Amino acid sequence: MPRSIPPRPTDIRFKVDPGDIPPEKVARRMHLSEAQFRDCLPRLLARGFPMPDPDTGMYDLEAVDRWRHRRHASLFPELAATLPPEPAPPAKSLGAKFREEQEARRGGRAA
């Protein structure tokens, strides 16, 4: 009985660079161990570090690299224009606006 030959995998036609990478590769990208990355992550996120995808848990490699470069805006001026705008001051509540209007009508006297 002749032995069957297993199918040969297809040759790779072209290289596909990853767009999303797992946390351990993000850690390596930043020259940190996985444990160091986990410890630093809350502080990194507070500084605008990209969040992982909610479904896959993967990080967008380009977003990570852009975040790293924006820390040095003078060296990468092409990224400076992409910084998020400053947050607007919090809007006053309707109650606060009403109280201010009432005080203004009373000549600045508090009730």
PDB file of N, CA and C in Angstrom:
ATOM      1  N   MET A   1       0.837  -1.181   0.000  1.00  0.00           N
ATOM      2  CA  MET A   1       0.000   0.000   0.000  1.00  0.00           C
ATOM      3  C   MET A   1       0.886   1.250   0.000  1.00  0.00           C
ATOM      4  N   PRO A   2       0.724   2.132  -0.986  1.00  0.00           N
ATOM      5  CA  PRO A   2       1.582   3.323  -1.056  1.00  0.00           C
ATOM      6  C   PRO A   2       1.236   4.303   0.063  1.00  0.00           C
ATOM      7  N   ARG A   3       2.287   4.940   0.540  1.00  0.00           N
ATOM      8  CA  ARG A   3       2.083   5.958   1.594  1.00  0.00           C
ATOM      9  C   ARG A   3       1.596   7.242   0.946  1.00  0.00           C
ATOM     10  N   SER A   4       0.628   7.847   1.586  1.00  0.00           N
ATOM     11  CA  SER A   4       0.153   9.128   1.051  1.00  0.00           C
ATOM     12  C   SER A   4       1.099  10.238   1.500  1.00  0.00           C
ATOM     13  N   ILE A   5       1.295  11.144   0.632  1.00  0.00           N
ATOM     14  CA  ILE A   5       2.177  12.275   0.928  1.00  0.00           C
ATOM     15  C   ILE A   5       1.315  13.397   1.504  1.00  0.00           C
ATOM     16  N   PRO A   6       1.715  13.903   2.691  1.00  0.00           N
ATOM     17  CA  PRO A   6       0.925  14.998   3.279  1.00  0.00           C
ATOM     18  C   PRO A   6       0.995  16.230   2.391  1.00  0.00           C
ATOM     19  N   PRO A   7      -0.041  17.032   2.425  1.00  0.00           N
ATOM     20  CA  PRO A   7      -0.017  18.243   1.589  1.00  0.00           C
ATOM     21  C   PRO A   7       1.106  19.180   2.031  1.00  0.00           C
ATOM     22  N   ARG A   8       1.707  19.800   1.078  1.00  0.00           N
ATOM     23  CA  ARG A   8       2.785  20.747   1.333  1.00  0.00           C
ATOM     24  C   ARG A   8       2.193  22.134   1.584  1.00  0.00           C
ATOM     25  N   PRO A   9       2.657  22.802   2.648  1.00  0.00           N
ATOM     26  CA  PRO A   9       2.129  24.158   2.870  1.00  0.00           C
ATOM     27  C   PRO A   9       2.496  25.078   1.711  1.00  0.00           C
ATOM     28  N   THR A  10       1.638  26.026   1.471  1.00  0.00           N
ATOM     29  CA  THR A  10       1.899  26.959   0.379  1.00  0.00           C
ATOM     30  C   THR A  10       3.039  27.897   0.751  1.00  0.00           C
ATOM     31  N   ASP A  11       3.747  28.304  -0.257  1.00  0.00           N
ATOM     32  CA  ASP A  11       4.827  29.266  -0.035  1.00  0.00           C
ATOM     33  C   ASP A  11       4.224  30.621   0.295  1.00  0.00           C
ATOM     34  N   ILE A  12       4.920  31.331   1.148  1.00  0.00           N
ATOM     35  CA  ILE A  12       4.470  32.674   1.495  1.00  0.00           C
ATOM     36  C   ILE A  12       4.767  33.582   0.311  1.00  0.00           C
ATOM     37  N   ARG A  13       3.754  34.230  -0.181  1.00  0.00           N
ATOM     38  CA  ARG A  13       3.934  35.111  -1.342  1.00  0.00           C
ATOM     39  C   ARG A  13       4.514  36.457  -0.958  1.00  0.00           C
ATOM     40  N   PHE A  14       4.056  36.983   0.174  1.00  0.00           N
ATOM     41  CA  PHE A  14       4.561  38.262   0.632  1.00  0.00           C
ATOM     42  C   PHE A  14       4.428  38.329   2.146  1.00  0.00           C
ATOM     43  N   LYS A  15       5.281  39.103   2.738  1.00  0.00           N
ATOM     44  CA  LYS A  15       5.299  39.261   4.187  1.00  0.00           C
ATOM     45  C   LYS A  15       4.183  40.220   4.608  1.00  0.00           C
ATOM     46  N   VAL A  16       3.480  39.875   5.663  1.00  0.00           N
ATOM     47  CA  VAL A  16       2.441  40.741   6.205  1.00  0.00           C
ATOM     48  C   VAL A  16       2.908  41.195   7.592  1.00  0.00           C
ATOM     49  N   ASP A  17       3.182  42.470   7.707  1.00  0.00           N
ATOM     50  CA  ASP A  17       3.580  43.016   9.006  1.00  0.00           C
ATOM     51  C   ASP A  17       2.352  43.142   9.898  1.00  0.00           C
ATOM     52  N   PRO A  18       2.503  42.823  11.159  1.00  0.00           N
ATOM     53  CA  PRO A  18       1.342  42.912  12.051  1.00  0.00           C
ATOM     54  C   PRO A  18       0.932  44.363  12.281  1.00  0.00           C
ATOM     55  N   GLY A  19      -0.351  44.568  12.380  1.00  0.00           N
ATOM     56  CA  GLY A  19      -0.874  45.892  12.715  1.00  0.00           C
ATOM     57  C   GLY A  19      -1.186  45.970  14.199  1.00  0.00           C
ATOM     58  N   ASP A  20      -1.695  44.876  14.733  1.00  0.00           N
ATOM     59  CA  ASP A  20      -2.011  44.793  16.157  1.00  0.00           C
ATOM     60  C   ASP A  20      -1.080  43.762  16.782  1.00  0.00           C
ATOM     61  N   ILE A  21      -0.637  44.065  17.997  1.00  0.00           N
ATOM     62  CA  ILE A  21       0.301  43.168  18.665  1.00  0.00           C
ATOM     63  C   ILE A  21      -0.157  42.920  20.099  1.00  0.00           C
ATOM     64  N   PRO A  22       0.209  41.767  20.660  1.00  0.00           N
ATOM     65  CA  PRO A  22      -0.192  41.445  22.030  1.00  0.00           C
ATOM     66  C   PRO A  22       0.611  42.252  23.054  1.00  0.00           C
ATOM     67  N   PRO A  23       0.124  42.303  24.291  1.00  0.00           N
ATOM     68  CA  PRO A  23       0.804  43.104  25.324  1.00  0.00           C
ATOM     69  C   PRO A  23       2.273  42.753  25.514  1.00  0.00           C
ATOM     70  N   GLU A  24       2.622  41.468  25.405  1.00  0.00           N
ATOM     71  CA  GLU A  24       4.032  41.113  25.619  1.00  0.00           C
ATOM     72  C   GLU A  24       4.932  41.710  24.548  1.00  0.00           C
ATOM     73  N   LYS A  25       4.429  41.890  23.339  1.00  0.00           N
ATOM     74  CA  LYS A  25       5.241  42.516  22.289  1.00  0.00           C
ATOM     75  C   LYS A  25       5.286  44.029  22.454  1.00  0.00           C
ATOM     76  N   VAL A  26       4.216  44.620  22.993  1.00  0.00           N
ATOM     77  CA  VAL A  26       4.251  46.053  23.309  1.00  0.00           C
ATOM     78  C   VAL A  26       5.313  46.292  24.372  1.00  0.00           C
ATOM     79  N   ALA A  27       5.347  45.420  25.363  1.00  0.00           N
ATOM     80  CA  ALA A  27       6.358  45.545  26.417  1.00  0.00           C
ATOM     81  C   ALA A  27       7.761  45.490  25.816  1.00  0.00           C
ATOM     82  N   ARG A  28       7.990  44.529  24.933  1.00  0.00           N
ATOM     83  CA  ARG A  28       9.306  44.429  24.291  1.00  0.00           C
ATOM     84  C   ARG A  28       9.598  45.653  23.454  1.00  0.00           C
ATOM     85  N   ARG A  29       8.575  46.191  22.778  1.00  0.00           N
ATOM     86  CA  ARG A  29       8.753  47.386  21.944  1.00  0.00           C
ATOM     87  C   ARG A  29       9.236  48.559  22.780  1.00  0.00           C
ATOM     88  N   MET A  30       8.787  48.584  24.044  1.00  0.00           N
ATOM     89  CA  MET A  30       9.158  49.681  24.944  1.00  0.00           C
ATOM     90  C   MET A  30      10.343  49.302  25.839  1.00  0.00           C
ATOM     91  N   HIS A  31      10.958  48.158  25.524  1.00  0.00           N
ATOM     92  CA  HIS A  31      12.123  47.674  26.266  1.00  0.00           C
ATOM     93  C   HIS A  31      11.813  47.460  27.741  1.00  0.00           C
ATOM     94  N   LEU A  32      10.637  46.871  27.994  1.00  0.00           N
ATOM     95  CA  LEU A  32      10.211  46.532  29.345  1.00  0.00           C
ATOM     96  C   LEU A  32       9.902  45.047  29.402  1.00  0.00           C
ATOM     97  N   SER A  33      10.010  44.482  30.601  1.00  0.00           N
ATOM     98  CA  SER A  33       9.527  43.119  30.778  1.00  0.00           C
ATOM     99  C   SER A  33       7.996  43.179  30.829  1.00  0.00           C
ATOM    100  N   GLU A  34       7.347  42.028  30.701  1.00  0.00           N
ATOM    101  CA  GLU A  34       5.886  42.024  30.784  1.00  0.00           C
ATOM    102  C   GLU A  34       5.423  42.540  32.135  1.00  0.00           C
ATOM    103  N   ALA A  35       6.124  42.154  33.204  1.00  0.00           N
ATOM    104  CA  ALA A  35       5.756  42.600  34.549  1.00  0.00           C
ATOM    105  C   ALA A  35       5.925  44.118  34.685  1.00  0.00           C
ATOM    106  N   GLN A  36       7.015  44.650  34.155  1.00  0.00           N
ATOM    107  CA  GLN A  36       7.225  46.103  34.215  1.00  0.00           C
ATOM    108  C   GLN A  36       6.144  46.829  33.432  1.00  0.00           C
ATOM    109  N   PHE A  37       5.779  46.292  32.268  1.00  0.00           N
ATOM    110  CA  PHE A  37       4.735  46.912  31.453  1.00  0.00           C
ATOM    111  C   PHE A  37       3.404  46.922  32.210  1.00  0.00           C
ATOM    112  N   ARG A  38       3.042  45.790  32.818  1.00  0.00           N
ATOM    113  CA  ARG A  38       1.789  45.734  33.593  1.00  0.00           C
ATOM    114  C   ARG A  38       1.795  46.747  34.733  1.00  0.00           C
ATOM    115  N   ASP A  39       2.948  46.887  35.400  1.00  0.00           N
ATOM    116  CA  ASP A  39       3.052  47.843  36.509  1.00  0.00           C
ATOM    117  C   ASP A  39       2.940  49.288  36.027  1.00  0.00           C
ATOM    118  N   CYS A  40       3.513  49.579  34.863  1.00  0.00           N
ATOM    119  CA  CYS A  40       3.508  50.942  34.324  1.00  0.00           C
ATOM    120  C   CYS A  40       2.210  51.288  33.600  1.00  0.00           C
ATOM    121  N   LEU A  41       1.448  50.289  33.180  1.00  0.00           N
ATOM    122  CA  LEU A  41       0.300  50.529  32.303  1.00  0.00           C
ATOM    123  C   LEU A  41      -0.687  51.560  32.842  1.00  0.00           C
ATOM    124  N   PRO A  42      -1.099  51.535  34.117  1.00  0.00           N
ATOM    125  CA  PRO A  42      -2.045  52.571  34.576  1.00  0.00           C
ATOM    126  C   PRO A  42      -1.501  53.989  34.385  1.00  0.00           C
ATOM    127  N   ARG A  43      -0.209  54.189  34.659  1.00  0.00           N
ATOM    128  CA  ARG A  43       0.386  55.515  34.483  1.00  0.00           C
ATOM    129  C   ARG A  43       0.505  55.863  33.005  1.00  0.00           C
ATOM    130  N   LEU A  44       0.830  54.884  32.176  1.00  0.00           N
ATOM    131  CA  LEU A  44       0.909  55.127  30.732  1.00  0.00           C
ATOM    132  C   LEU A  44      -0.461  55.518  30.184  1.00  0.00           C
ATOM    133  N   LEU A  45      -1.507  54.802  30.588  1.00  0.00           N
ATOM    134  CA  LEU A  45      -2.861  55.117  30.124  1.00  0.00           C
ATOM    135  C   LEU A  45      -3.285  56.512  30.566  1.00  0.00           C
ATOM    136  N   ALA A  46      -2.883  56.907  31.775  1.00  0.00           N
ATOM    137  CA  ALA A  46      -3.213  58.252  32.268  1.00  0.00           C
ATOM    138  C   ALA A  46      -2.532  59.325  31.424  1.00  0.00           C
ATOM    139  N   ARG A  47      -1.433  58.970  30.763  1.00  0.00           N
ATOM    140  CA  ARG A  47      -0.696  59.906  29.900  1.00  0.00           C
ATOM    141  C   ARG A  47      -1.109  59.792  28.448  1.00  0.00           C
ATOM    142  N   GLY A  48      -2.197  59.058  28.166  1.00  0.00           N
ATOM    143  CA  GLY A  48      -2.708  58.993  26.802  1.00  0.00           C
ATOM    144  C   GLY A  48      -2.246  57.794  25.993  1.00  0.00           C
ATOM    145  N   PHE A  49      -1.619  56.813  26.641  1.00  0.00           N
ATOM    146  CA  PHE A  49      -1.183  55.611  25.934  1.00  0.00           C
ATOM    147  C   PHE A  49      -2.405  54.927  25.319  1.00  0.00           C
ATOM    148  N   PRO A  50      -2.274  54.378  24.108  1.00  0.00           N
ATOM    149  CA  PRO A  50      -3.437  53.772  23.449  1.00  0.00           C
ATOM    150  C   PRO A  50      -4.003  52.583  24.230  1.00  0.00           C
ATOM    151  N   MET A  51      -5.309  52.504  24.248  1.00  0.00           N
ATOM    152  CA  MET A  51      -6.002  51.391  24.905  1.00  0.00           C
ATOM    153  C   MET A  51      -5.937  50.161  23.996  1.00  0.00           C
ATOM    154  N   PRO A  52      -5.957  48.959  24.584  1.00  0.00           N
ATOM    155  CA  PRO A  52      -6.019  47.769  23.736  1.00  0.00           C
ATOM    156  C   PRO A  52      -7.413  47.611  23.133  1.00  0.00           C
ATOM    157  N   ASP A  53      -7.506  46.858  22.062  1.00  0.00           N
ATOM    158  CA  ASP A  53      -8.790  46.575  21.439  1.00  0.00           C
ATOM    159  C   ASP A  53      -9.668  45.840  22.456  1.00  0.00           C
ATOM    160  N   PRO A  54     -10.934  46.258  22.625  1.00  0.00           N
ATOM    161  CA  PRO A  54     -11.783  45.628  23.639  1.00  0.00           C
ATOM    162  C   PRO A  54     -12.114  44.168  23.328  1.00  0.00           C
ATOM    163  N   ASP A  55     -12.054  43.755  22.073  1.00  0.00           N
ATOM    164  CA  ASP A  55     -12.392  42.372  21.723  1.00  0.00           C
ATOM    165  C   ASP A  55     -11.174  41.454  21.712  1.00  0.00           C
ATOM    166  N   THR A  56     -10.061  41.938  21.171  1.00  0.00           N
ATOM    167  CA  THR A  56      -8.894  41.063  21.014  1.00  0.00           C
ATOM    168  C   THR A  56      -7.845  41.256  22.105  1.00  0.00           C
ATOM    169  N   GLY A  57      -7.858  42.419  22.772  1.00  0.00           N
ATOM    170  CA  GLY A  57      -6.830  42.712  23.764  1.00  0.00           C
ATOM    171  C   GLY A  57      -5.505  43.120  23.143  1.00  0.00           C
ATOM    172  N   MET A  58      -5.496  43.284  21.820  1.00  0.00           N
ATOM    173  CA  MET A  58      -4.278  43.645  21.106  1.00  0.00           C
ATOM    174  C   MET A  58      -4.132  45.166  21.034  1.00  0.00           C
ATOM    175  N   TYR A  59      -2.882  45.610  20.890  1.00  0.00           N
ATOM    176  CA  TYR A  59      -2.576  47.030  20.793  1.00  0.00           C
ATOM    177  C   TYR A  59      -2.247  47.379  19.344  1.00  0.00           C
ATOM    178  N   ASP A  60      -2.688  48.541  18.907  1.00  0.00           N
ATOM    179  CA  ASP A  60      -2.380  49.044  17.570  1.00  0.00           C
ATOM    180  C   ASP A  60      -0.924  49.502  17.576  1.00  0.00           C
ATOM    181  N   LEU A  61      -0.100  48.819  16.810  1.00  0.00           N
ATOM    182  CA  LEU A  61       1.335  49.101  16.807  1.00  0.00           C
ATOM    183  C   LEU A  61       1.633  50.529  16.374  1.00  0.00           C
ATOM    184  N   GLU A  62       0.953  51.009  15.350  1.00  0.00           N
ATOM    185  CA  GLU A  62       1.204  52.379  14.891  1.00  0.00           C
ATOM    186  C   GLU A  62       0.799  53.400  15.949  1.00  0.00           C
ATOM    187  N   ALA A  63      -0.327  53.145  16.646  1.00  0.00           N
ATOM    188  CA  ALA A  63      -0.766  54.066  17.702  1.00  0.00           C
ATOM    189  C   ALA A  63       0.262  54.112  18.834  1.00  0.00           C
ATOM    190  N   VAL A  64       0.827  52.953  19.176  1.00  0.00           N
ATOM    191  CA  VAL A  64       1.864  52.909  20.222  1.00  0.00           C
ATOM    192  C   VAL A  64       3.083  53.715  19.772  1.00  0.00           C
ATOM    193  N   ASP A  65       3.505  53.498  18.528  1.00  0.00           N
ATOM    194  CA  ASP A  65       4.677  54.234  18.036  1.00  0.00           C
ATOM    195  C   ASP A  65       4.419  55.739  17.966  1.00  0.00           C
ATOM    196  N   ARG A  66       3.237  56.129  17.520  1.00  0.00           N
ATOM    197  CA  ARG A  66       2.928  57.568  17.458  1.00  0.00           C
ATOM    198  C   ARG A  66       2.902  58.167  18.860  1.00  0.00           C
ATOM    199  N   TRP A  67       2.350  57.433  19.832  1.00  0.00           N
ATOM    200  CA  TRP A  67       2.328  57.922  21.210  1.00  0.00           C
ATOM    201  C   TRP A  67       3.761  58.122  21.702  1.00  0.00           C
ATOM    202  N   ARG A  68       4.620  57.161  21.419  1.00  0.00           N
ATOM    203  CA  ARG A  68       6.016  57.284  21.837  1.00  0.00           C
ATOM    204  C   ARG A  68       6.671  58.505  21.207  1.00  0.00           C
ATOM    205  N   HIS A  69       6.413  58.742  19.920  1.00  0.00           N
ATOM    206  CA  HIS A  69       7.035  59.873  19.241  1.00  0.00           C
ATOM    207  C   HIS A  69       6.465  61.210  19.700  1.00  0.00           C
ATOM    208  N   ARG A  70       5.185  61.266  20.032  1.00  0.00           N
ATOM    209  CA  ARG A  70       4.584  62.540  20.467  1.00  0.00           C
ATOM    210  C   ARG A  70       5.169  63.020  21.787  1.00  0.00           C
ATOM    211  N   ARG A  71       5.788  62.120  22.553  1.00  0.00           N
ATOM    212  CA  ARG A  71       6.439  62.558  23.794  1.00  0.00           C
ATOM    213  C   ARG A  71       7.593  63.499  23.493  1.00  0.00           C
ATOM    214  N   HIS A  72       8.090  63.464  22.264  1.00  0.00           N
ATOM    215  CA  HIS A  72       9.224  64.292  21.852  1.00  0.00           C
ATOM    216  C   HIS A  72       8.806  65.110  20.629  1.00  0.00           C
ATOM    217  N   ALA A  73       7.812  65.958  20.823  1.00  0.00           N
ATOM    218  CA  ALA A  73       7.218  66.715  19.714  1.00  0.00           C
ATOM    219  C   ALA A  73       8.240  67.562  18.965  1.00  0.00           C
ATOM    220  N   SER A  74       9.263  68.039  19.638  1.00  0.00           N
ATOM    221  CA  SER A  74      10.254  68.865  18.938  1.00  0.00           C
ATOM    222  C   SER A  74      11.062  68.040  17.940  1.00  0.00           C
ATOM    223  N   LEU A  75      11.154  66.736  18.162  1.00  0.00           N
ATOM    224  CA  LEU A  75      11.882  65.868  17.238  1.00  0.00           C
ATOM    225  C   LEU A  75      10.995  65.336  16.120  1.00  0.00           C
ATOM    226  N   PHE A  76       9.683  65.330  16.351  1.00  0.00           N
ATOM    227  CA  PHE A  76       8.728  64.807  15.373  1.00  0.00           C
ATOM    228  C   PHE A  76       7.617  65.842  15.155  1.00  0.00           C
ATOM    229  N   PRO A  77       7.930  66.993  14.551  1.00  0.00           N
ATOM    230  CA  PRO A  77       6.927  68.055  14.413  1.00  0.00           C
ATOM    231  C   PRO A  77       5.722  67.634  13.578  1.00  0.00           C
ATOM    232  N   GLU A  78       5.882  66.644  12.692  1.00  0.00           N
ATOM    233  CA  GLU A  78       4.743  66.213  11.880  1.00  0.00           C
ATOM    234  C   GLU A  78       3.652  65.572  12.736  1.00  0.00           C
ATOM    235  N   LEU A  79       3.999  65.118  13.938  1.00  0.00           N
ATOM    236  CA  LEU A  79       3.005  64.525  14.835  1.00  0.00           C
ATOM    237  C   LEU A  79       2.417  65.535  15.811  1.00  0.00           C
ATOM    238  N   ALA A  80       3.041  66.693  15.933  1.00  0.00           N
ATOM    239  CA  ALA A  80       2.581  67.688  16.903  1.00  0.00           C
ATOM    240  C   ALA A  80       1.170  68.148  16.600  1.00  0.00           C
ATOM    241  N   ALA A  81       0.811  68.226  15.329  1.00  0.00           N
ATOM    242  CA  ALA A  81      -0.536  68.677  14.955  1.00  0.00           C
ATOM    243  C   ALA A  81      -1.592  67.643  15.281  1.00  0.00           C
ATOM    244  N   THR A  82      -1.186  66.404  15.570  1.00  0.00           N
ATOM    245  CA  THR A  82      -2.167  65.363  15.852  1.00  0.00           C
ATOM    246  C   THR A  82      -2.458  65.215  17.336  1.00  0.00           C
ATOM    247  N   LEU A  83      -1.849  66.076  18.152  1.00  0.00           N
ATOM    248  CA  LEU A  83      -2.132  65.998  19.581  1.00  0.00           C
ATOM    249  C   LEU A  83      -3.599  66.317  19.830  1.00  0.00           C
ATOM    250  N   PRO A  84      -4.218  65.626  20.783  1.00  0.00           N
ATOM    251  CA  PRO A  84      -5.624  65.920  21.051  1.00  0.00           C
ATOM    252  C   PRO A  84      -5.775  67.326  21.613  1.00  0.00           C
ATOM    253  N   PRO A  85      -6.867  68.008  21.311  1.00  0.00           N
ATOM    254  CA  PRO A  85      -7.062  69.355  21.833  1.00  0.00           C
ATOM    255  C   PRO A  85      -7.241  69.332  23.349  1.00  0.00           C
ATOM    256  N   GLU A  86      -6.927  70.462  23.941  1.00  0.00           N
ATOM    257  CA  GLU A  86      -7.116  70.575  25.390  1.00  0.00           C
ATOM    258  C   GLU A  86      -8.593  70.399  25.716  1.00  0.00           C
ATOM    259  N   PRO A  87      -8.914  69.695  26.793  1.00  0.00           N
ATOM    260  CA  PRO A  87     -10.330  69.519  27.128  1.00  0.00           C
ATOM    261  C   PRO A  87     -10.973  70.856  27.491  1.00  0.00           C
ATOM    262  N   ALA A  88     -12.224  71.021  27.106  1.00  0.00           N
ATOM    263  CA  ALA A  88     -12.960  72.248  27.420  1.00  0.00           C
ATOM    264  C   ALA A  88     -13.262  72.271  28.918  1.00  0.00           C
ATOM    265  N   PRO A  89     -13.327  73.463  29.495  1.00  0.00           N
ATOM    266  CA  PRO A  89     -13.675  73.518  30.917  1.00  0.00           C
ATOM    267  C   PRO A  89     -15.070  72.933  31.114  1.00  0.00           C
ATOM    268  N   PRO A  90     -15.310  72.350  32.281  1.00  0.00           N
ATOM    269  CA  PRO A  90     -16.624  71.748  32.498  1.00  0.00           C
ATOM    270  C   PRO A  90     -17.733  72.793  32.423  1.00  0.00           C
ATOM    271  N   ALA A  91     -18.823  72.413  31.798  1.00  0.00           N
ATOM    272  CA  ALA A  91     -19.962  73.323  31.680  1.00  0.00           C
ATOM    273  C   ALA A  91     -20.646  73.466  33.036  1.00  0.00           C
ATOM    274  N   LYS A  92     -21.187  74.644  33.281  1.00  0.00           N
ATOM    275  CA  LYS A  92     -21.912  74.858  34.532  1.00  0.00           C
ATOM    276  C   LYS A  92     -23.247  74.138  34.471  1.00  0.00           C
ATOM    277  N   SER A  93     -23.660  73.649  35.616  1.00  0.00           N
ATOM    278  CA  SER A  93     -24.962  73.000  35.669  1.00  0.00           C
ATOM    279  C   SER A  93     -26.054  74.065  35.557  1.00  0.00           C
ATOM    280  N   LEU A  94     -27.233  73.632  35.191  1.00  0.00           N
ATOM    281  CA  LEU A  94     -28.356  74.574  35.099  1.00  0.00           C
ATOM    282  C   LEU A  94     -28.645  75.202  36.455  1.00  0.00           C
ATOM    283  N   GLY A  95     -28.470  74.419  37.508  1.00  0.00           N
ATOM    284  CA  GLY A  95     -28.685  74.951  38.863  1.00  0.00           C
ATOM    285  C   GLY A  95     -27.725  76.085  39.185  1.00  0.00           C
ATOM    286  N   ALA A  96     -26.449  75.914  38.827  1.00  0.00           N
ATOM    287  CA  ALA A  96     -25.451  76.953  39.083  1.00  0.00           C
ATOM    288  C   ALA A  96     -25.757  78.198  38.261  1.00  0.00           C
ATOM    289  N   LYS A  97     -26.154  78.006  37.001  1.00  0.00           N
ATOM    290  CA  LYS A  97     -26.514  79.148  36.167  1.00  0.00           C
ATOM    291  C   LYS A  97     -27.715  79.885  36.745  1.00  0.00           C
ATOM    292  N   PHE A  98     -28.702  79.153  37.245  1.00  0.00           N
ATOM    293  CA  PHE A  98     -29.899  79.761  37.830  1.00  0.00           C
ATOM    294  C   PHE A  98     -29.518  80.589  39.055  1.00  0.00           C
ATOM    295  N   ARG A  99     -28.660  80.003  39.934  1.00  0.00           N
ATOM    296  CA  ARG A  99     -28.237  80.736  41.141  1.00  0.00           C
ATOM    297  C   ARG A  99     -27.492  82.015  40.765  1.00  0.00           C
ATOM    298  N   GLU A 100     -26.610  81.948  39.771  1.00  0.00           N
ATOM    299  CA  GLU A 100     -25.880  83.144  39.344  1.00  0.00           C
ATOM    300  C   GLU A 100     -26.833  84.211  38.813  1.00  0.00           C
ATOM    301  N   GLU A 101     -27.815  83.791  38.044  1.00  0.00           N
ATOM    302  CA  GLU A 101     -28.797  84.734  37.503  1.00  0.00           C
ATOM    303  C   GLU A 101     -29.599  85.381  38.629  1.00  0.00           C
ATOM    304  N   GLN A 102     -30.002  84.585  39.620  1.00  0.00           N
ATOM    305  CA  GLN A 102     -30.754  85.127  40.751  1.00  0.00           C
ATOM    306  C   GLN A 102     -29.912  86.126  41.534  1.00  0.00           C
ATOM    307  N   GLU A 103     -28.646  85.807  41.765  1.00  0.00           N
ATOM    308  CA  GLU A 103     -27.759  86.722  42.487  1.00  0.00           C
ATOM    309  C   GLU A 103     -27.562  88.017  41.699  1.00  0.00           C
ATOM    310  N   ALA A 104     -27.430  87.911  40.384  1.00  0.00           N
ATOM    311  CA  ALA A 104     -27.261  89.102  39.552  1.00  0.00           C
ATOM    312  C   ALA A 104     -28.501  89.986  39.636  1.00  0.00           C
ATOM    313  N   ARG A 105     -29.679  89.392  39.679  1.00  0.00           N
ATOM    314  CA  ARG A 105     -30.925  90.179  39.775  1.00  0.00           C
ATOM    315  C   ARG A 105     -31.041  90.854  41.129  1.00  0.00           C
ATOM    316  N   ARG A 106     -30.475  90.231  42.149  1.00  0.00           N
ATOM    317  CA  ARG A 106     -30.545  90.820  43.487  1.00  0.00           C
ATOM    318  C   ARG A 106     -29.405  91.810  43.735  1.00  0.00           C
ATOM    319  N   GLY A 107     -28.605  92.038  42.728  1.00  0.00           N
ATOM    320  CA  GLY A 107     -27.502  92.989  42.875  1.00  0.00           C
ATOM    321  C   GLY A 107     -26.285  92.351  43.498  1.00  0.00           C
ATOM    322  N   GLY A 108     -26.126  91.050  43.308  1.00  0.00           N
ATOM    323  CA  GLY A 108     -24.930  90.370  43.811  1.00  0.00           C
ATOM    324  C   GLY A 108     -25.080  89.846  45.206  1.00  0.00           C
ATOM    325  N   ARG A 109     -26.256  90.014  45.822  1.00  0.00           N
ATOM    326  CA  ARG A 109     -26.455  89.515  47.177  1.00  0.00           C
ATOM    327  C   ARG A 109     -26.861  88.052  47.149  1.00  0.00           C
ATOM    328  N   ALA A 110     -26.251  87.233  47.991  1.00  0.00           N
ATOM    329  CA  ALA A 110     -26.640  85.835  48.096  1.00  0.00           C
ATOM    330  C   ALA A 110     -27.902  85.736  48.940  1.00  0.00           C
ATOM    331  N   ALA A 111     -28.718  84.757  48.624  1.00  0.00           N
ATOM    332  CA  ALA A 111     -29.974  84.566  49.361  1.00  0.00           C
ATOM    333  C   ALA A 111     -29.763  83.860  50.656  1.00  0.00           C
TER     334      ALA A 111
END
